[in-house]
Protein backbone atom coordinates (compact mmCIF):
# COMPACT_ATOMS: atom_id res chain seq x y z
CA UNK A 1 55.48 113.83 37.95
CA UNK A 2 54.16 111.02 40.10
CA UNK A 3 56.19 107.84 40.48
CA UNK A 4 54.19 104.67 40.40
CA UNK A 5 55.33 101.27 41.49
CA UNK A 6 54.93 100.01 37.98
CA UNK A 7 57.28 102.58 36.50
CA UNK A 8 60.83 101.67 35.64
CA UNK A 9 63.48 102.08 38.26
CA UNK A 10 65.20 104.72 36.14
CA UNK A 11 62.97 107.35 37.59
CA UNK A 12 63.56 106.15 41.11
CA UNK A 13 67.37 106.20 41.04
CA UNK A 14 67.96 108.75 43.77
CA UNK A 15 65.62 107.18 46.27
CA UNK A 16 67.16 103.72 45.98
CA UNK A 17 70.73 104.92 46.27
CA UNK A 18 69.92 106.93 49.36
CA UNK A 19 68.27 103.92 50.96
CA UNK A 20 71.21 101.68 50.04
CA UNK A 21 73.70 104.17 51.43
CA UNK A 22 71.82 104.51 54.71
CA UNK A 23 71.43 100.76 54.98
CA UNK A 24 75.15 100.15 54.44
CA UNK A 25 76.04 102.87 56.88
CA UNK A 26 73.63 101.42 59.45
CA UNK A 27 75.02 97.92 58.91
CA UNK A 28 78.62 99.08 59.17
CA UNK A 29 77.96 101.10 62.34
CA UNK A 30 76.01 98.19 63.84
CA UNK A 31 78.85 95.79 63.14
CA UNK A 32 81.39 98.24 64.59
CA UNK A 33 79.27 98.73 67.71
CA UNK A 34 78.91 94.94 68.15
CA UNK A 35 82.66 94.45 67.70
CA UNK A 36 83.39 97.21 70.24
CA UNK A 37 81.03 95.56 72.73
CA UNK A 38 82.80 92.21 72.29
CA UNK A 39 86.19 93.87 72.69
CA UNK A 40 85.00 95.65 75.83
CA UNK A 41 83.70 92.38 77.28
CA UNK A 42 86.98 90.68 76.42
CA UNK A 43 89.02 93.42 78.09
CA UNK A 44 86.86 93.19 81.21
CA UNK A 45 87.41 89.41 81.34
CA UNK A 46 91.16 89.80 80.88
CA UNK A 47 91.33 92.42 83.63
CA UNK A 48 89.34 90.21 85.98
CA UNK A 49 91.57 87.20 85.28
CA UNK A 50 94.74 89.24 85.78
CA UNK A 51 93.44 90.53 89.12
CA UNK A 52 92.73 86.94 90.19
CA UNK A 53 96.18 85.81 89.08
CA UNK A 54 97.83 88.66 91.01
CA UNK A 55 95.91 87.84 94.20
CA UNK A 56 96.76 84.13 93.85
CA UNK A 57 100.44 84.98 93.35
CA UNK A 58 100.41 87.06 96.53
CA UNK A 59 98.97 84.10 98.41
CA UNK A 60 101.66 81.87 96.87
CA UNK A 61 104.40 84.27 97.98
CA UNK A 62 103.04 84.18 101.54
CA UNK A 63 103.02 80.39 101.38
CA UNK A 64 106.65 80.34 100.21
CA UNK A 65 107.62 82.64 103.10
CA UNK A 66 105.86 80.37 105.57
CA UNK A 67 107.58 77.30 104.12
CA UNK A 68 110.97 79.02 104.35
CA UNK A 69 110.34 79.96 108.00
CA UNK A 70 109.24 76.40 108.82
CA UNK A 71 112.33 74.95 107.13
CA UNK A 72 114.57 77.32 109.09
CA UNK A 73 112.85 76.34 112.34
CA UNK A 74 113.25 72.66 111.45
CA UNK A 75 116.98 73.15 110.80
CA UNK A 76 117.36 74.97 114.13
CA UNK A 77 115.51 72.18 115.90
CA UNK A 78 117.72 69.56 114.22
CA UNK A 79 120.81 71.56 115.23
CA UNK A 80 119.62 71.65 118.86
CA UNK A 81 119.01 67.89 118.83
CA UNK A 82 122.44 67.27 117.33
CA UNK A 83 124.01 69.57 119.93
CA UNK A 84 122.29 67.66 122.74
CA UNK A 85 123.54 64.38 121.31
CA UNK A 86 127.07 65.74 121.14
CA UNK A 87 126.81 66.94 124.74
CA UNK A 88 125.64 63.52 125.94
CA UNK A 89 128.42 61.68 124.17
CA UNK A 90 131.63 61.68 126.18
CA UNK A 91 134.46 63.50 124.56
CA UNK A 92 137.42 61.22 124.40
CA UNK A 93 140.69 62.85 125.20
CA UNK A 94 144.03 61.16 124.63
CA UNK A 95 144.19 60.02 128.25
CA UNK A 96 140.76 58.50 128.10
CA UNK A 97 141.60 56.71 124.85
CA UNK A 98 144.62 55.12 126.52
CA UNK A 99 142.55 54.09 129.54
CA UNK A 100 139.89 52.65 127.26
CA UNK A 101 142.51 50.58 125.37
CA UNK A 102 143.86 49.26 128.67
CA UNK A 103 140.34 48.36 129.79
CA UNK A 104 139.72 46.48 126.55
CA UNK A 105 143.02 44.65 126.78
CA UNK A 106 142.32 43.59 130.39
CA UNK A 107 138.87 42.50 129.45
CA UNK A 108 140.15 40.41 126.60
CA UNK A 109 142.77 38.79 128.82
CA UNK A 110 140.24 37.94 131.48
CA UNK A 111 137.98 36.53 128.79
CA UNK A 112 140.71 34.18 127.53
CA UNK A 113 141.54 32.78 130.95
CA UNK A 114 137.97 32.42 132.12
CA UNK A 115 136.36 29.52 130.38
């Protein structure tokens, strides 16, 4: 039996179903392959971004360490300056305070009598 194009599709049932099944299988596998490619590209991008973030965080940690060291050095420098100021200032003992009061009182007395 020869199947012509003009015949009804009843005779050609098996051929059409096989073609439809292969087409749907091909379409499904193609869609799955495309989705897997997109997922793979997405994972590569995520991995690349995470590597960049990790390297930037390491740089930030080094920056924080440098800032902490600089702050400590600045505090030490300020402490040295303060210590030098304290050394330059005379330390007033009780005797010196009494002498200073006497000096001020004599100075005030001389200032009153000297017009």
